[in-house]
Amino acid sequence: MSALLVRTARIGYAPAWDRQRALADARARDAGPDVVWLLEHDPVYTVGRHGTRADLFVSDDALAGMGAAFHAVDRGGQMTWHGPGQTTGYVIQRLPEGMGVRAFVLALLRSMADASGIAGAEVDAESMGVYVRGRKLGSVGIRVKNRVSYHGLALNRDPDLAWYDVMTACGAPGVKATSIAAEGGDPDRGRVEGLLSEALARRLGLELTPGGLPAP
């Protein structure tokens, strides 16, 4: 199955959210391709349909002072953070024939574990995370509509982990965040995203062709 591989520079969350919804709508109408979009965001906290604003412990004014935004969004999952030093991957794909949502989520999680290069990186499908000795390295939060996925994954390469101190990540109090760099790995963005795209292609049955985002 062919898909477009798009890698872009840092972008704000709101325009990316609008764009991926448009891509998912086009894919559902067979008017656009499957897309794997790898990027970084400006600092932002997002909460999914199963979370609450109370999991973020700072006011909107304090958040603005930190240089971060907040959005309540339509994915599954709870509170998370995106920002510099983290690869966010949006997988806009019609689910392969015979693949259910759980298997799709597992494919995303295992792709992150593959790409991390960290020995001992383990996948937990129930919490939708990748862990290294109990510390969370990556997470998945998606929505599937008309069998087309959007939203996706977040893999910490070398972010400032202090961003996680002001929230309960993914509804799991006490779970500490980690990164490829913190675990002694190589966080180079090009290297990690190259390995990630290869793993996603393998696990999702995709033939990826590099390119730009399709026109709106």
N, C-alpha and C. Protein backbone atom coordinates (compact mmCIF):
# COMPACT_ATOMS: atom_id res chain seq x y z
N MET A 1 0.85 -1.19 0.00
CA MET A 1 0.00 0.00 0.00
C MET A 1 0.89 1.25 0.00
N SER A 2 0.71 2.13 -0.95
CA SER A 2 1.55 3.32 -1.05
C SER A 2 1.08 4.40 -0.09
N ALA A 3 2.01 5.20 0.39
CA ALA A 3 1.70 6.30 1.29
C ALA A 3 2.75 7.38 1.11
N LEU A 4 2.37 8.59 1.47
CA LEU A 4 3.26 9.74 1.38
C LEU A 4 3.96 9.94 2.72
N LEU A 5 5.28 10.07 2.70
CA LEU A 5 6.06 10.38 3.90
C LEU A 5 6.41 11.86 3.88
N VAL A 6 5.90 12.59 4.86
CA VAL A 6 6.11 14.04 4.94
C VAL A 6 6.89 14.34 6.21
N ARG A 7 7.99 15.08 6.08
CA ARG A 7 8.76 15.52 7.25
C ARG A 7 8.87 17.03 7.19
N THR A 8 8.39 17.69 8.24
CA THR A 8 8.37 19.15 8.25
C THR A 8 9.06 19.68 9.49
N ALA A 9 9.37 20.97 9.45
CA ALA A 9 9.97 21.65 10.58
C ALA A 9 8.92 21.89 11.66
N ARG A 10 9.32 22.59 12.71
CA ARG A 10 8.42 22.83 13.83
C ARG A 10 7.21 23.66 13.40
N ILE A 11 6.05 23.29 13.95
CA ILE A 11 4.80 23.93 13.57
C ILE A 11 3.89 24.01 14.80
N GLY A 12 3.06 25.04 14.86
CA GLY A 12 2.08 25.14 15.93
C GLY A 12 1.07 24.01 15.87
N TYR A 13 0.46 23.71 17.03
CA TYR A 13 -0.44 22.56 17.08
C TYR A 13 -1.72 22.81 16.29
N ALA A 14 -2.33 23.98 16.45
CA ALA A 14 -3.65 24.22 15.85
C ALA A 14 -3.65 24.06 14.34
N PRO A 15 -2.71 24.67 13.61
CA PRO A 15 -2.73 24.47 12.15
C PRO A 15 -2.47 23.03 11.74
N ALA A 16 -1.64 22.32 12.51
CA ALA A 16 -1.40 20.91 12.18
C ALA A 16 -2.64 20.07 12.42
N TRP A 17 -3.36 20.37 13.48
CA TRP A 17 -4.60 19.64 13.78
C TRP A 17 -5.62 19.85 12.66
N ASP A 18 -5.78 21.11 12.24
CA ASP A 18 -6.70 21.40 11.14
C ASP A 18 -6.28 20.65 9.87
N ARG A 19 -4.99 20.63 9.61
CA ARG A 19 -4.51 20.02 8.37
C ARG A 19 -4.71 18.50 8.39
N GLN A 20 -4.43 17.87 9.53
CA GLN A 20 -4.59 16.41 9.54
C GLN A 20 -6.05 16.00 9.45
N ARG A 21 -6.95 16.80 10.02
CA ARG A 21 -8.38 16.48 9.86
C ARG A 21 -8.80 16.58 8.40
N ALA A 22 -8.27 17.58 7.70
CA ALA A 22 -8.57 17.70 6.28
C ALA A 22 -8.00 16.51 5.50
N LEU A 23 -6.79 16.09 5.86
CA LEU A 23 -6.18 14.94 5.20
C LEU A 23 -6.99 13.67 5.45
N ALA A 24 -7.46 13.50 6.69
CA ALA A 24 -8.26 12.31 7.02
C ALA A 24 -9.59 12.31 6.29
N ASP A 25 -10.19 13.49 6.17
CA ASP A 25 -11.46 13.58 5.44
C ASP A 25 -11.26 13.24 3.97
N ALA A 26 -10.17 13.76 3.39
CA ALA A 26 -9.89 13.45 1.98
C ALA A 26 -9.62 11.96 1.79
N ARG A 27 -8.91 11.35 2.74
CA ARG A 27 -8.63 9.91 2.62
C ARG A 27 -9.91 9.10 2.72
N ALA A 28 -10.81 9.50 3.60
CA ALA A 28 -12.07 8.77 3.76
C ALA A 28 -12.91 8.83 2.49
N ARG A 29 -12.76 9.91 1.71
CA ARG A 29 -13.50 10.06 0.45
C ARG A 29 -12.72 9.51 -0.74
N ASP A 30 -11.58 8.86 -0.47
CA ASP A 30 -10.68 8.39 -1.54
C ASP A 30 -10.23 9.53 -2.43
N ALA A 31 -10.11 10.72 -1.81
CA ALA A 31 -9.68 11.89 -2.55
C ALA A 31 -8.26 12.32 -2.17
N GLY A 32 -7.60 11.51 -1.36
CA GLY A 32 -6.24 11.81 -0.95
C GLY A 32 -5.53 10.54 -0.52
N PRO A 33 -4.21 10.62 -0.36
CA PRO A 33 -3.42 9.43 -0.05
C PRO A 33 -3.35 9.15 1.45
N ASP A 34 -2.87 7.95 1.79
CA ASP A 34 -2.39 7.72 3.14
C ASP A 34 -1.16 8.61 3.35
N VAL A 35 -1.02 9.15 4.56
CA VAL A 35 0.08 10.07 4.85
C VAL A 35 0.70 9.72 6.21
N VAL A 36 2.02 9.64 6.25
CA VAL A 36 2.76 9.59 7.50
C VAL A 36 3.49 10.92 7.62
N TRP A 37 3.11 11.72 8.63
CA TRP A 37 3.61 13.09 8.77
C TRP A 37 4.42 13.17 10.05
N LEU A 38 5.73 13.38 9.93
CA LEU A 38 6.63 13.48 11.08
C LEU A 38 7.05 14.93 11.26
N LEU A 39 6.94 15.42 12.49
CA LEU A 39 7.18 16.83 12.75
C LEU A 39 7.52 17.06 14.21
N GLU A 40 7.85 18.30 14.55
CA GLU A 40 7.93 18.78 15.92
C GLU A 40 6.89 19.87 16.10
N HIS A 41 6.39 20.01 17.33
CA HIS A 41 5.46 21.09 17.64
C HIS A 41 6.13 22.14 18.52
N ASP A 42 5.61 23.36 18.46
CA ASP A 42 5.85 24.32 19.52
C ASP A 42 5.26 23.74 20.80
N PRO A 43 5.75 24.15 21.99
CA PRO A 43 5.26 23.53 23.23
C PRO A 43 3.74 23.62 23.37
N VAL A 44 3.12 22.47 23.65
CA VAL A 44 1.66 22.42 23.75
C VAL A 44 1.26 21.23 24.61
N TYR A 45 0.25 21.44 25.43
CA TYR A 45 -0.39 20.35 26.16
C TYR A 45 -1.72 20.06 25.49
N THR A 46 -2.02 18.79 25.28
CA THR A 46 -3.31 18.43 24.70
C THR A 46 -3.96 17.36 25.56
N VAL A 47 -5.28 17.41 25.61
CA VAL A 47 -6.02 16.39 26.36
C VAL A 47 -7.03 15.75 25.43
N GLY A 48 -7.09 14.42 25.49
CA GLY A 48 -8.01 13.67 24.66
C GLY A 48 -9.37 13.51 25.30
N ARG A 49 -10.20 12.72 24.67
CA ARG A 49 -11.61 12.59 25.08
C ARG A 49 -11.77 11.90 26.43
N HIS A 50 -10.75 11.18 26.89
CA HIS A 50 -10.86 10.47 28.16
C HIS A 50 -10.15 11.20 29.29
N GLY A 51 -9.66 12.42 29.03
CA GLY A 51 -8.92 13.16 30.03
C GLY A 51 -9.66 14.39 30.52
N THR A 52 -8.97 15.18 31.33
CA THR A 52 -9.56 16.37 31.92
C THR A 52 -8.50 17.47 32.06
N ARG A 53 -8.93 18.72 31.97
CA ARG A 53 -8.03 19.87 32.15
C ARG A 53 -7.38 19.85 33.53
N ALA A 54 -8.02 19.20 34.50
CA ALA A 54 -7.47 19.15 35.86
C ALA A 54 -6.15 18.38 35.92
N ASP A 55 -5.83 17.60 34.90
CA ASP A 55 -4.56 16.89 34.87
C ASP A 55 -3.39 17.80 34.51
N LEU A 56 -3.68 19.06 34.21
CA LEU A 56 -2.65 20.07 33.97
C LEU A 56 -2.70 21.04 35.14
N PHE A 57 -1.60 21.17 35.88
CA PHE A 57 -1.63 21.82 37.19
C PHE A 57 -1.35 23.31 37.17
N VAL A 58 -1.33 23.94 36.02
CA VAL A 58 -1.04 25.36 35.93
C VAL A 58 -2.19 26.08 35.24
N SER A 59 -2.34 27.37 35.57
CA SER A 59 -3.41 28.17 34.99
C SER A 59 -3.09 28.52 33.54
N ASP A 60 -4.10 29.02 32.85
CA ASP A 60 -3.88 29.44 31.46
C ASP A 60 -2.85 30.57 31.39
N ASP A 61 -2.89 31.50 32.37
CA ASP A 61 -1.93 32.59 32.38
C ASP A 61 -0.51 32.07 32.60
N ALA A 62 -0.36 31.13 33.53
CA ALA A 62 0.96 30.55 33.78
C ALA A 62 1.45 29.79 32.56
N LEU A 63 0.53 29.13 31.89
CA LEU A 63 0.88 28.38 30.69
C LEU A 63 1.41 29.33 29.61
N ALA A 64 0.73 30.46 29.45
CA ALA A 64 1.17 31.44 28.47
C ALA A 64 2.56 31.97 28.83
N GLY A 65 2.80 32.17 30.13
CA GLY A 65 4.11 32.62 30.57
C GLY A 65 5.21 31.61 30.31
N MET A 66 4.84 30.35 30.26
CA MET A 66 5.79 29.28 29.95
C MET A 66 6.04 29.16 28.45
N GLY A 67 5.23 29.87 27.66
CA GLY A 67 5.37 29.77 26.21
C GLY A 67 4.70 28.56 25.62
N ALA A 68 3.66 28.05 26.31
CA ALA A 68 2.98 26.83 25.86
C ALA A 68 1.51 27.11 25.61
N ALA A 69 0.91 26.28 24.78
CA ALA A 69 -0.53 26.35 24.49
C ALA A 69 -1.23 25.14 25.09
N PHE A 70 -2.56 25.17 25.05
CA PHE A 70 -3.37 24.03 25.50
C PHE A 70 -4.53 23.84 24.54
N HIS A 71 -4.80 22.57 24.21
CA HIS A 71 -5.94 22.25 23.35
C HIS A 71 -6.62 20.98 23.85
N ALA A 72 -7.94 21.00 23.91
CA ALA A 72 -8.73 19.78 24.10
C ALA A 72 -9.07 19.27 22.70
N VAL A 73 -8.76 18.00 22.44
CA VAL A 73 -8.84 17.48 21.07
C VAL A 73 -9.66 16.20 21.01
N ASP A 74 -9.85 15.70 19.80
CA ASP A 74 -10.79 14.61 19.56
C ASP A 74 -10.14 13.23 19.46
N ARG A 75 -8.91 13.09 19.94
CA ARG A 75 -8.28 11.77 19.95
C ARG A 75 -8.69 11.02 21.22
N GLY A 76 -8.33 9.74 21.27
CA GLY A 76 -8.44 9.01 22.51
C GLY A 76 -7.32 9.40 23.46
N GLY A 77 -7.32 8.81 24.64
CA GLY A 77 -6.25 9.09 25.58
C GLY A 77 -6.53 10.30 26.44
N GLN A 78 -5.51 10.70 27.20
CA GLN A 78 -5.69 11.75 28.19
C GLN A 78 -4.70 12.88 27.96
N MET A 79 -4.06 13.40 29.01
CA MET A 79 -3.19 14.56 28.88
C MET A 79 -1.80 14.16 28.39
N THR A 80 -1.27 14.94 27.47
CA THR A 80 0.11 14.73 27.04
C THR A 80 0.72 16.06 26.64
N TRP A 81 2.00 16.04 26.35
CA TRP A 81 2.76 17.23 25.93
C TRP A 81 3.44 16.93 24.61
N HIS A 82 3.54 17.96 23.77
CA HIS A 82 4.35 17.91 22.55
C HIS A 82 5.24 19.14 22.52
N GLY A 83 6.40 19.00 21.92
CA GLY A 83 7.27 20.16 21.81
C GLY A 83 8.63 19.82 21.26
N PRO A 84 9.56 20.79 21.33
CA PRO A 84 10.90 20.59 20.80
C PRO A 84 11.60 19.39 21.44
N GLY A 85 12.30 18.64 20.61
CA GLY A 85 12.99 17.45 21.09
C GLY A 85 12.15 16.20 21.07
N GLN A 86 10.92 16.33 20.65
CA GLN A 86 10.02 15.17 20.53
C GLN A 86 9.56 15.04 19.08
N THR A 87 9.59 13.83 18.56
CA THR A 87 9.01 13.57 17.24
C THR A 87 7.55 13.20 17.42
N THR A 88 6.68 13.98 16.79
CA THR A 88 5.26 13.65 16.72
C THR A 88 4.99 13.08 15.33
N GLY A 89 4.28 11.98 15.30
CA GLY A 89 3.97 11.34 14.03
C GLY A 89 2.48 11.19 13.84
N TYR A 90 1.95 11.84 12.82
CA TYR A 90 0.53 11.71 12.49
C TYR A 90 0.39 10.70 11.35
N VAL A 91 -0.35 9.64 11.61
CA VAL A 91 -0.53 8.57 10.63
C VAL A 91 -1.97 8.62 10.14
N ILE A 92 -2.14 9.19 8.96
CA ILE A 92 -3.46 9.30 8.34
C ILE A 92 -3.56 8.16 7.35
N GLN A 93 -4.26 7.10 7.74
CA GLN A 93 -4.24 5.87 6.95
C GLN A 93 -5.58 5.16 7.05
N ARG A 94 -6.05 4.67 5.91
CA ARG A 94 -7.17 3.73 5.96
C ARG A 94 -6.63 2.42 6.53
N LEU A 95 -7.22 1.96 7.63
CA LEU A 95 -6.71 0.76 8.29
C LEU A 95 -6.64 -0.40 7.30
N PRO A 96 -5.50 -1.10 7.30
CA PRO A 96 -5.36 -2.24 6.38
C PRO A 96 -6.46 -3.27 6.60
N GLU A 97 -6.83 -3.94 5.53
CA GLU A 97 -7.86 -4.98 5.61
C GLU A 97 -7.47 -6.01 6.66
N GLY A 98 -8.40 -6.29 7.55
CA GLY A 98 -8.15 -7.29 8.59
C GLY A 98 -7.45 -6.76 9.82
N MET A 99 -7.06 -5.49 9.84
CA MET A 99 -6.38 -4.91 11.00
C MET A 99 -7.37 -4.08 11.81
N GLY A 100 -7.58 -4.42 13.06
CA GLY A 100 -8.43 -3.65 13.94
C GLY A 100 -7.67 -2.51 14.60
N VAL A 101 -8.39 -1.72 15.38
CA VAL A 101 -7.78 -0.55 16.02
C VAL A 101 -6.69 -0.97 17.00
N ARG A 102 -6.93 -2.01 17.79
CA ARG A 102 -5.92 -2.44 18.76
C ARG A 102 -4.63 -2.86 18.07
N ALA A 103 -4.74 -3.62 16.99
CA ALA A 103 -3.54 -4.04 16.26
C ALA A 103 -2.82 -2.85 15.65
N PHE A 104 -3.59 -1.86 15.20
CA PHE A 104 -2.99 -0.65 14.64
C PHE A 104 -2.21 0.10 15.71
N VAL A 105 -2.80 0.26 16.89
CA VAL A 105 -2.11 0.92 18.00
C VAL A 105 -0.83 0.17 18.36
N LEU A 106 -0.90 -1.15 18.42
CA LEU A 106 0.30 -1.94 18.72
C LEU A 106 1.39 -1.72 17.68
N ALA A 107 0.99 -1.60 16.42
CA ALA A 107 1.98 -1.35 15.36
C ALA A 107 2.69 -0.01 15.58
N LEU A 108 1.94 1.02 15.98
CA LEU A 108 2.56 2.32 16.26
C LEU A 108 3.51 2.22 17.45
N LEU A 109 3.06 1.57 18.52
CA LEU A 109 3.90 1.43 19.71
C LEU A 109 5.18 0.66 19.40
N ARG A 110 5.05 -0.44 18.70
CA ARG A 110 6.23 -1.26 18.39
C ARG A 110 7.18 -0.54 17.44
N SER A 111 6.63 0.29 16.57
CA SER A 111 7.48 1.08 15.68
C SER A 111 8.33 2.07 16.48
N MET A 112 7.74 2.69 17.50
CA MET A 112 8.52 3.59 18.35
C MET A 112 9.61 2.84 19.11
N ALA A 113 9.26 1.68 19.65
CA ALA A 113 10.26 0.89 20.36
C ALA A 113 11.41 0.51 19.43
N ASP A 114 11.07 0.11 18.20
CA ASP A 114 12.10 -0.21 17.20
C ASP A 114 13.01 0.99 16.95
N ALA A 115 12.39 2.15 16.75
CA ALA A 115 13.14 3.35 16.36
C ALA A 115 14.01 3.89 17.49
N SER A 116 13.62 3.64 18.72
CA SER A 116 14.36 4.20 19.86
C SER A 116 15.78 3.65 19.96
N GLY A 117 15.95 2.39 19.56
CA GLY A 117 17.26 1.77 19.70
C GLY A 117 17.65 1.50 21.13
N ILE A 118 16.70 1.61 22.07
CA ILE A 118 16.99 1.43 23.49
C ILE A 118 16.72 -0.01 23.89
N ALA A 119 17.73 -0.69 24.39
CA ALA A 119 17.54 -2.04 24.89
C ALA A 119 16.59 -2.00 26.08
N GLY A 120 15.64 -2.89 26.10
CA GLY A 120 14.70 -2.92 27.21
C GLY A 120 13.48 -2.05 27.01
N ALA A 121 13.34 -1.40 25.86
CA ALA A 121 12.12 -0.63 25.58
C ALA A 121 10.96 -1.60 25.40
N GLU A 122 9.91 -1.40 26.19
CA GLU A 122 8.79 -2.33 26.21
C GLU A 122 7.49 -1.62 25.87
N VAL A 123 6.61 -2.34 25.21
CA VAL A 123 5.31 -1.82 24.79
C VAL A 123 4.24 -2.25 25.78
N ASP A 124 3.38 -1.30 26.16
CA ASP A 124 2.22 -1.61 27.01
C ASP A 124 0.98 -1.13 26.28
N ALA A 125 0.23 -2.07 25.72
CA ALA A 125 -0.94 -1.70 24.91
C ALA A 125 -2.05 -1.10 25.76
N GLU A 126 -2.15 -1.50 27.03
CA GLU A 126 -3.24 -1.00 27.87
C GLU A 126 -3.08 0.49 28.15
N SER A 127 -1.87 0.93 28.45
CA SER A 127 -1.64 2.35 28.71
C SER A 127 -1.19 3.09 27.46
N MET A 128 -1.08 2.38 26.34
CA MET A 128 -0.73 2.95 25.04
C MET A 128 0.60 3.69 25.12
N GLY A 129 1.59 3.02 25.73
CA GLY A 129 2.89 3.64 25.89
C GLY A 129 4.05 2.71 25.62
N VAL A 130 5.22 3.33 25.44
CA VAL A 130 6.50 2.62 25.37
C VAL A 130 7.29 3.02 26.60
N TYR A 131 7.81 2.03 27.32
CA TYR A 131 8.46 2.27 28.61
C TYR A 131 9.86 1.68 28.62
N VAL A 132 10.73 2.33 29.40
CA VAL A 132 12.06 1.80 29.70
C VAL A 132 12.17 1.74 31.22
N ARG A 133 12.13 0.54 31.76
CA ARG A 133 12.19 0.32 33.21
C ARG A 133 11.22 1.23 33.95
N GLY A 134 9.99 1.27 33.45
CA GLY A 134 8.92 2.01 34.10
C GLY A 134 8.82 3.47 33.74
N ARG A 135 9.78 4.00 33.00
CA ARG A 135 9.74 5.39 32.58
C ARG A 135 9.18 5.47 31.16
N LYS A 136 8.32 6.47 30.93
CA LYS A 136 7.60 6.52 29.66
C LYS A 136 8.40 7.25 28.59
N LEU A 137 8.65 6.56 27.50
CA LEU A 137 9.44 7.07 26.39
C LEU A 137 8.58 7.60 25.25
N GLY A 138 7.42 7.00 25.06
CA GLY A 138 6.55 7.38 23.95
C GLY A 138 5.12 7.01 24.22
N SER A 139 4.21 7.63 23.47
CA SER A 139 2.79 7.36 23.68
C SER A 139 2.04 7.43 22.36
N VAL A 140 0.84 6.85 22.38
CA VAL A 140 -0.04 6.84 21.22
C VAL A 140 -1.41 7.36 21.63
N GLY A 141 -1.99 8.20 20.80
CA GLY A 141 -3.38 8.63 20.96
C GLY A 141 -3.95 8.87 19.58
N ILE A 142 -4.98 8.14 19.21
CA ILE A 142 -5.51 8.23 17.86
C ILE A 142 -7.03 8.40 17.87
N ARG A 143 -7.55 8.72 16.71
CA ARG A 143 -8.97 8.59 16.45
C ARG A 143 -9.12 7.86 15.11
N VAL A 144 -10.10 6.99 15.04
CA VAL A 144 -10.41 6.29 13.79
C VAL A 144 -11.85 6.62 13.42
N LYS A 145 -12.02 7.19 12.24
CA LYS A 145 -13.34 7.57 11.74
C LYS A 145 -13.46 7.08 10.31
N ASN A 146 -14.52 6.34 10.02
CA ASN A 146 -14.69 5.75 8.69
C ASN A 146 -13.48 4.89 8.30
N ARG A 147 -12.92 4.22 9.31
CA ARG A 147 -11.75 3.34 9.17
C ARG A 147 -10.49 4.09 8.75
N VAL A 148 -10.48 5.39 8.90
CA VAL A 148 -9.29 6.18 8.63
C VAL A 148 -8.77 6.74 9.95
N SER A 149 -7.49 6.50 10.22
CA SER A 149 -6.88 6.98 11.45
C SER A 149 -6.36 8.40 11.28
N TYR A 150 -6.34 9.13 12.38
CA TYR A 150 -5.54 10.36 12.45
C TYR A 150 -5.11 10.58 13.89
N HIS A 151 -4.40 11.67 14.16
CA HIS A 151 -3.54 11.78 15.34
C HIS A 151 -2.48 10.69 15.23
N GLY A 152 -1.86 10.26 16.32
CA GLY A 152 -0.81 9.28 16.13
C GLY A 152 0.06 9.05 17.34
N LEU A 153 1.36 9.35 17.22
CA LEU A 153 2.35 8.95 18.22
C LEU A 153 3.24 10.12 18.61
N ALA A 154 3.89 9.96 19.77
CA ALA A 154 4.85 10.95 20.25
C ALA A 154 6.03 10.20 20.85
N LEU A 155 7.23 10.46 20.37
CA LEU A 155 8.44 9.78 20.81
C LEU A 155 9.46 10.82 21.28
N ASN A 156 9.86 10.71 22.55
CA ASN A 156 10.80 11.67 23.13
C ASN A 156 12.23 11.36 22.71
N ARG A 157 12.81 12.26 21.93
CA ARG A 157 14.21 12.12 21.55
C ARG A 157 15.10 12.77 22.62
N ASP A 158 14.95 14.07 22.79
CA ASP A 158 15.76 14.80 23.78
C ASP A 158 15.05 16.08 24.21
N PRO A 159 13.79 16.01 24.67
CA PRO A 159 13.10 17.21 25.13
C PRO A 159 13.54 17.58 26.54
N ASP A 160 13.19 18.79 26.97
CA ASP A 160 13.33 19.18 28.37
C ASP A 160 12.22 18.46 29.15
N LEU A 161 12.59 17.47 29.93
CA LEU A 161 11.59 16.64 30.62
C LEU A 161 10.86 17.40 31.72
N ALA A 162 11.32 18.62 32.06
CA ALA A 162 10.61 19.42 33.06
C ALA A 162 9.20 19.79 32.59
N TRP A 163 8.95 19.76 31.29
CA TRP A 163 7.60 20.03 30.79
C TRP A 163 6.58 19.06 31.38
N TYR A 164 7.03 17.87 31.73
CA TYR A 164 6.12 16.85 32.25
C TYR A 164 5.81 17.03 33.74
N ASP A 165 6.53 17.94 34.40
CA ASP A 165 6.37 18.09 35.85
C ASP A 165 5.05 18.74 36.25
N VAL A 166 4.37 19.40 35.30
CA VAL A 166 3.16 20.15 35.65
C VAL A 166 1.89 19.44 35.19
N MET A 167 1.98 18.14 34.96
CA MET A 167 0.79 17.41 34.52
C MET A 167 0.84 15.97 34.99
N THR A 168 -0.33 15.34 34.97
CA THR A 168 -0.42 13.89 35.08
C THR A 168 -0.51 13.35 33.67
N ALA A 169 0.57 12.75 33.20
CA ALA A 169 0.62 12.30 31.81
C ALA A 169 -0.20 11.04 31.63
N CYS A 170 -1.10 11.08 30.66
CA CYS A 170 -1.86 9.89 30.24
C CYS A 170 -2.64 9.26 31.39
N GLY A 171 -3.03 10.09 32.38
CA GLY A 171 -3.84 9.59 33.48
C GLY A 171 -3.13 8.66 34.42
N ALA A 172 -1.80 8.73 34.46
CA ALA A 172 -1.02 7.79 35.28
C ALA A 172 -0.14 8.56 36.26
N PRO A 173 -0.67 8.92 37.44
CA PRO A 173 0.12 9.66 38.43
C PRO A 173 1.38 8.90 38.82
N GLY A 174 2.47 9.63 38.93
CA GLY A 174 3.71 9.02 39.39
C GLY A 174 4.59 8.44 38.30
N VAL A 175 4.06 8.29 37.10
CA VAL A 175 4.89 7.77 36.01
C VAL A 175 5.81 8.87 35.50
N LYS A 176 7.09 8.61 35.45
CA LYS A 176 8.07 9.58 35.00
C LYS A 176 8.31 9.45 33.50
N ALA A 177 8.55 10.60 32.87
CA ALA A 177 8.90 10.60 31.46
C ALA A 177 10.39 10.38 31.29
N THR A 178 10.77 9.83 30.16
CA THR A 178 12.17 9.70 29.80
C THR A 178 12.33 10.00 28.32
N SER A 179 13.55 9.89 27.83
CA SER A 179 13.83 10.18 26.43
C SER A 179 14.94 9.26 25.95
N ILE A 180 15.11 9.23 24.64
CA ILE A 180 16.20 8.44 24.07
C ILE A 180 17.54 8.92 24.63
N ALA A 181 17.72 10.25 24.70
CA ALA A 181 18.98 10.79 25.22
C ALA A 181 19.18 10.42 26.68
N ALA A 182 18.12 10.54 27.49
CA ALA A 182 18.23 10.24 28.92
C ALA A 182 18.57 8.78 29.17
N GLU A 183 18.20 7.91 28.23
CA GLU A 183 18.49 6.49 28.38
C GLU A 183 19.80 6.08 27.70
N GLY A 184 20.57 7.09 27.27
CA GLY A 184 21.89 6.81 26.71
C GLY A 184 21.92 6.54 25.22
N GLY A 185 20.80 6.79 24.53
CA GLY A 185 20.73 6.56 23.10
C GLY A 185 21.08 7.79 22.29
N ASP A 186 21.04 7.64 20.98
CA ASP A 186 21.35 8.73 20.05
C ASP A 186 20.04 9.40 19.65
N PRO A 187 19.82 10.68 20.06
CA PRO A 187 18.54 11.33 19.79
C PRO A 187 18.48 12.09 18.48
N ASP A 188 19.49 11.95 17.63
CA ASP A 188 19.50 12.72 16.38
C ASP A 188 18.18 12.57 15.63
N ARG A 189 17.58 13.69 15.29
CA ARG A 189 16.24 13.64 14.70
C ARG A 189 16.21 12.88 13.39
N GLY A 190 17.17 13.16 12.51
CA GLY A 190 17.18 12.48 11.23
C GLY A 190 17.30 10.97 11.38
N ARG A 191 18.18 10.55 12.29
CA ARG A 191 18.37 9.12 12.51
C ARG A 191 17.10 8.48 13.05
N VAL A 192 16.54 9.09 14.11
CA VAL A 192 15.36 8.50 14.75
C VAL A 192 14.18 8.45 13.78
N GLU A 193 13.95 9.53 13.05
CA GLU A 193 12.79 9.55 12.15
C GLU A 193 13.00 8.63 10.95
N GLY A 194 14.24 8.44 10.54
CA GLY A 194 14.50 7.46 9.50
C GLY A 194 14.15 6.05 9.96
N LEU A 195 14.58 5.71 11.17
CA LEU A 195 14.25 4.39 11.72
C LEU A 195 12.76 4.25 11.96
N LEU A 196 12.13 5.33 12.42
CA LEU A 196 10.69 5.29 12.69
C LEU A 196 9.89 5.07 11.41
N SER A 197 10.25 5.79 10.35
CA SER A 197 9.51 5.63 9.10
C SER A 197 9.70 4.22 8.54
N GLU A 198 10.90 3.66 8.67
CA GLU A 198 11.12 2.28 8.23
C GLU A 198 10.27 1.29 9.02
N ALA A 199 10.20 1.50 10.34
CA ALA A 199 9.42 0.60 11.18
C ALA A 199 7.93 0.71 10.89
N LEU A 200 7.44 1.93 10.70
CA LEU A 200 6.02 2.11 10.37
C LEU A 200 5.69 1.45 9.04
N ALA A 201 6.56 1.63 8.06
CA ALA A 201 6.33 1.01 6.75
C ALA A 201 6.24 -0.50 6.88
N ARG A 202 7.15 -1.06 7.64
CA ARG A 202 7.19 -2.52 7.80
C ARG A 202 5.96 -3.04 8.54
N ARG A 203 5.59 -2.38 9.62
CA ARG A 203 4.52 -2.89 10.48
C ARG A 203 3.12 -2.57 9.94
N LEU A 204 3.01 -1.53 9.11
CA LEU A 204 1.70 -1.16 8.57
C LEU A 204 1.55 -1.54 7.10
N GLY A 205 2.55 -2.18 6.53
CA GLY A 205 2.46 -2.61 5.14
C GLY A 205 2.45 -1.46 4.15
N LEU A 206 3.25 -0.43 4.43
CA LEU A 206 3.26 0.77 3.59
C LEU A 206 4.52 0.85 2.74
N GLU A 207 4.38 1.38 1.54
CA GLU A 207 5.51 1.78 0.72
C GLU A 207 5.55 3.30 0.74
N LEU A 208 6.52 3.86 1.46
CA LEU A 208 6.55 5.30 1.70
C LEU A 208 7.34 6.02 0.62
N THR A 209 6.74 7.09 0.11
CA THR A 209 7.39 7.95 -0.87
C THR A 209 7.52 9.34 -0.28
N PRO A 210 8.75 9.87 -0.11
CA PRO A 210 8.91 11.20 0.46
C PRO A 210 8.26 12.27 -0.41
N GLY A 211 7.70 13.28 0.24
CA GLY A 211 7.07 14.37 -0.49
C GLY A 211 6.55 15.43 0.45
N GLY A 212 5.87 16.43 -0.12
CA GLY A 212 5.27 17.48 0.67
C GLY A 212 3.82 17.17 0.99
N LEU A 213 3.24 17.97 1.87
CA LEU A 213 1.84 17.78 2.21
C LEU A 213 0.96 18.03 0.99
N PRO A 214 -0.05 17.19 0.78
CA PRO A 214 -0.99 17.46 -0.31
C PRO A 214 -1.67 18.81 -0.14
N ALA A 215 -2.02 19.43 -1.23
CA ALA A 215 -2.71 20.72 -1.16
C ALA A 215 -4.05 20.56 -0.45
N PRO A 216 -4.43 21.57 0.36
CA PRO A 216 -5.72 21.49 1.07
C PRO A 216 -6.89 21.35 0.09
